Amino acid sequence: MIVLGLILLIIGMLVGVSLLTTVGGVLVVAGAVLWILGATGRAVGGRKHYF
């Protein structure tokens, strides 16, 4: 999710489409939150790992 967000952020900035930049930023933040919660051992949505 983080990688997809970064790709969308880069494409959005290069092309100048603010929608892609916004969606990419949201995906990066959501992916980082899930990654941090998973790394601390806290189960998110009933799962301990998302891979």
N, C-alpha and C. Protein backbone atom coordinates (compact mmCIF):
# COMPACT_ATOMS: atom_id res chain seq x y z
N MET A 1 0.83 -1.18 0.00
CA MET A 1 0.00 0.00 0.00
C MET A 1 0.88 1.25 0.00
N ILE A 2 1.97 1.18 0.71
CA ILE A 2 2.87 2.32 0.77
C ILE A 2 3.53 2.55 -0.60
N VAL A 3 3.93 1.46 -1.25
CA VAL A 3 4.58 1.58 -2.55
C VAL A 3 3.61 2.13 -3.59
N LEU A 4 2.38 1.65 -3.58
CA LEU A 4 1.38 2.17 -4.51
C LEU A 4 1.12 3.66 -4.25
N GLY A 5 1.06 4.03 -2.99
CA GLY A 5 0.87 5.44 -2.65
C GLY A 5 2.02 6.31 -3.14
N LEU A 6 3.23 5.82 -2.99
CA LEU A 6 4.39 6.59 -3.46
C LEU A 6 4.37 6.73 -4.98
N ILE A 7 4.00 5.66 -5.67
CA ILE A 7 3.93 5.73 -7.13
C ILE A 7 2.88 6.75 -7.56
N LEU A 8 1.71 6.71 -6.93
CA LEU A 8 0.67 7.67 -7.27
C LEU A 8 1.07 9.10 -6.93
N LEU A 9 1.79 9.28 -5.81
CA LEU A 9 2.27 10.61 -5.46
C LEU A 9 3.22 11.16 -6.52
N ILE A 10 4.15 10.32 -6.94
CA ILE A 10 5.14 10.76 -7.94
C ILE A 10 4.47 11.08 -9.26
N ILE A 11 3.57 10.18 -9.71
CA ILE A 11 2.88 10.42 -10.97
C ILE A 11 2.02 11.68 -10.87
N GLY A 12 1.32 11.85 -9.75
CA GLY A 12 0.48 13.02 -9.56
C GLY A 12 1.26 14.32 -9.59
N MET A 13 2.45 14.30 -9.00
CA MET A 13 3.27 15.52 -8.99
C MET A 13 3.87 15.80 -10.37
N LEU A 14 4.28 14.75 -11.08
CA LEU A 14 4.88 14.96 -12.39
C LEU A 14 3.85 15.42 -13.42
N VAL A 15 2.66 14.84 -13.37
CA VAL A 15 1.63 15.16 -14.35
C VAL A 15 0.86 16.40 -13.93
N GLY A 16 0.79 16.66 -12.65
CA GLY A 16 0.07 17.83 -12.17
C GLY A 16 -1.39 17.56 -11.85
N VAL A 17 -1.72 16.30 -11.58
CA VAL A 17 -3.09 15.93 -11.25
C VAL A 17 -3.20 15.86 -9.73
N SER A 18 -3.96 16.78 -9.16
CA SER A 18 -4.03 16.85 -7.70
C SER A 18 -4.78 15.67 -7.10
N LEU A 19 -5.69 15.07 -7.84
CA LEU A 19 -6.43 13.91 -7.33
C LEU A 19 -5.49 12.74 -7.08
N LEU A 20 -4.57 12.48 -8.00
CA LEU A 20 -3.60 11.39 -7.81
C LEU A 20 -2.69 11.69 -6.63
N THR A 21 -2.30 12.92 -6.47
CA THR A 21 -1.45 13.30 -5.35
C THR A 21 -2.17 13.09 -4.03
N THR A 22 -3.44 13.45 -3.97
CA THR A 22 -4.22 13.30 -2.74
C THR A 22 -4.42 11.82 -2.40
N VAL A 23 -4.81 11.03 -3.39
CA VAL A 23 -5.03 9.60 -3.16
C VAL A 23 -3.71 8.93 -2.76
N GLY A 24 -2.63 9.30 -3.40
CA GLY A 24 -1.32 8.74 -3.06
C GLY A 24 -0.92 9.08 -1.64
N GLY A 25 -1.17 10.30 -1.22
CA GLY A 25 -0.84 10.69 0.15
C GLY A 25 -1.66 9.93 1.17
N VAL A 26 -2.94 9.74 0.89
CA VAL A 26 -3.80 8.99 1.80
C VAL A 26 -3.33 7.53 1.90
N LEU A 27 -2.96 6.94 0.78
CA LEU A 27 -2.48 5.56 0.80
C LEU A 27 -1.17 5.42 1.57
N VAL A 28 -0.29 6.37 1.41
CA VAL A 28 0.98 6.32 2.15
C VAL A 28 0.73 6.41 3.65
N VAL A 29 -0.13 7.32 4.07
CA VAL A 29 -0.41 7.48 5.50
C VAL A 29 -1.10 6.24 6.06
N ALA A 30 -2.10 5.74 5.35
CA ALA A 30 -2.82 4.55 5.83
C ALA A 30 -1.90 3.34 5.88
N GLY A 31 -1.07 3.18 4.88
CA GLY A 31 -0.12 2.07 4.87
C GLY A 31 0.89 2.17 6.00
N ALA A 32 1.35 3.37 6.28
CA ALA A 32 2.31 3.56 7.37
C ALA A 32 1.68 3.26 8.72
N VAL A 33 0.43 3.68 8.91
CA VAL A 33 -0.26 3.40 10.18
C VAL A 33 -0.44 1.90 10.37
N LEU A 34 -0.88 1.20 9.31
CA LEU A 34 -1.05 -0.25 9.42
C LEU A 34 0.28 -0.96 9.64
N TRP A 35 1.33 -0.46 9.01
CA TRP A 35 2.64 -1.06 9.17
C TRP A 35 3.14 -0.89 10.61
N ILE A 36 2.99 0.31 11.16
CA ILE A 36 3.43 0.57 12.53
C ILE A 36 2.64 -0.27 13.53
N LEU A 37 1.32 -0.33 13.35
CA LEU A 37 0.51 -1.15 14.26
C LEU A 37 0.87 -2.62 14.15
N GLY A 38 1.13 -3.09 12.95
CA GLY A 38 1.53 -4.49 12.77
C GLY A 38 2.90 -4.78 13.35
N ALA A 39 3.81 -3.81 13.27
CA ALA A 39 5.16 -4.00 13.79
C ALA A 39 5.18 -4.03 15.31
N THR A 40 4.22 -3.38 15.94
CA THR A 40 4.18 -3.39 17.40
C THR A 40 3.50 -4.64 17.94
N GLY A 41 2.97 -5.48 17.03
CA GLY A 41 2.34 -6.71 17.47
C GLY A 41 0.87 -6.58 17.76
N ARG A 42 0.32 -5.43 17.48
CA ARG A 42 -1.10 -5.20 17.73
C ARG A 42 -1.92 -5.73 16.55
N ALA A 43 -2.92 -6.52 16.83
CA ALA A 43 -3.77 -7.07 15.77
C ALA A 43 -4.69 -5.97 15.24
N VAL A 44 -4.73 -5.83 13.93
CA VAL A 44 -5.56 -4.82 13.28
C VAL A 44 -6.60 -5.54 12.45
N GLY A 45 -7.86 -5.36 12.74
CA GLY A 45 -8.91 -6.01 11.98
C GLY A 45 -8.91 -7.51 12.14
N GLY A 46 -8.45 -8.01 13.26
CA GLY A 46 -8.44 -9.44 13.49
C GLY A 46 -7.24 -10.16 12.92
N ARG A 47 -6.29 -9.42 12.32
CA ARG A 47 -5.11 -10.04 11.75
C ARG A 47 -3.86 -9.46 12.39
N LYS A 48 -2.89 -10.32 12.60
CA LYS A 48 -1.63 -9.83 13.13
C LYS A 48 -0.69 -9.35 12.03
N HIS A 49 -0.83 -9.90 10.82
CA HIS A 49 0.05 -9.54 9.71
C HIS A 49 -0.78 -9.30 8.46
N TYR A 50 -0.31 -8.40 7.62
CA TYR A 50 -0.97 -8.11 6.36
C TYR A 50 -0.07 -8.42 5.20
N PHE A 51 0.54 -9.60 5.20
CA PHE A 51 1.36 -10.02 4.06
C PHE A 51 1.24 -11.49 3.86
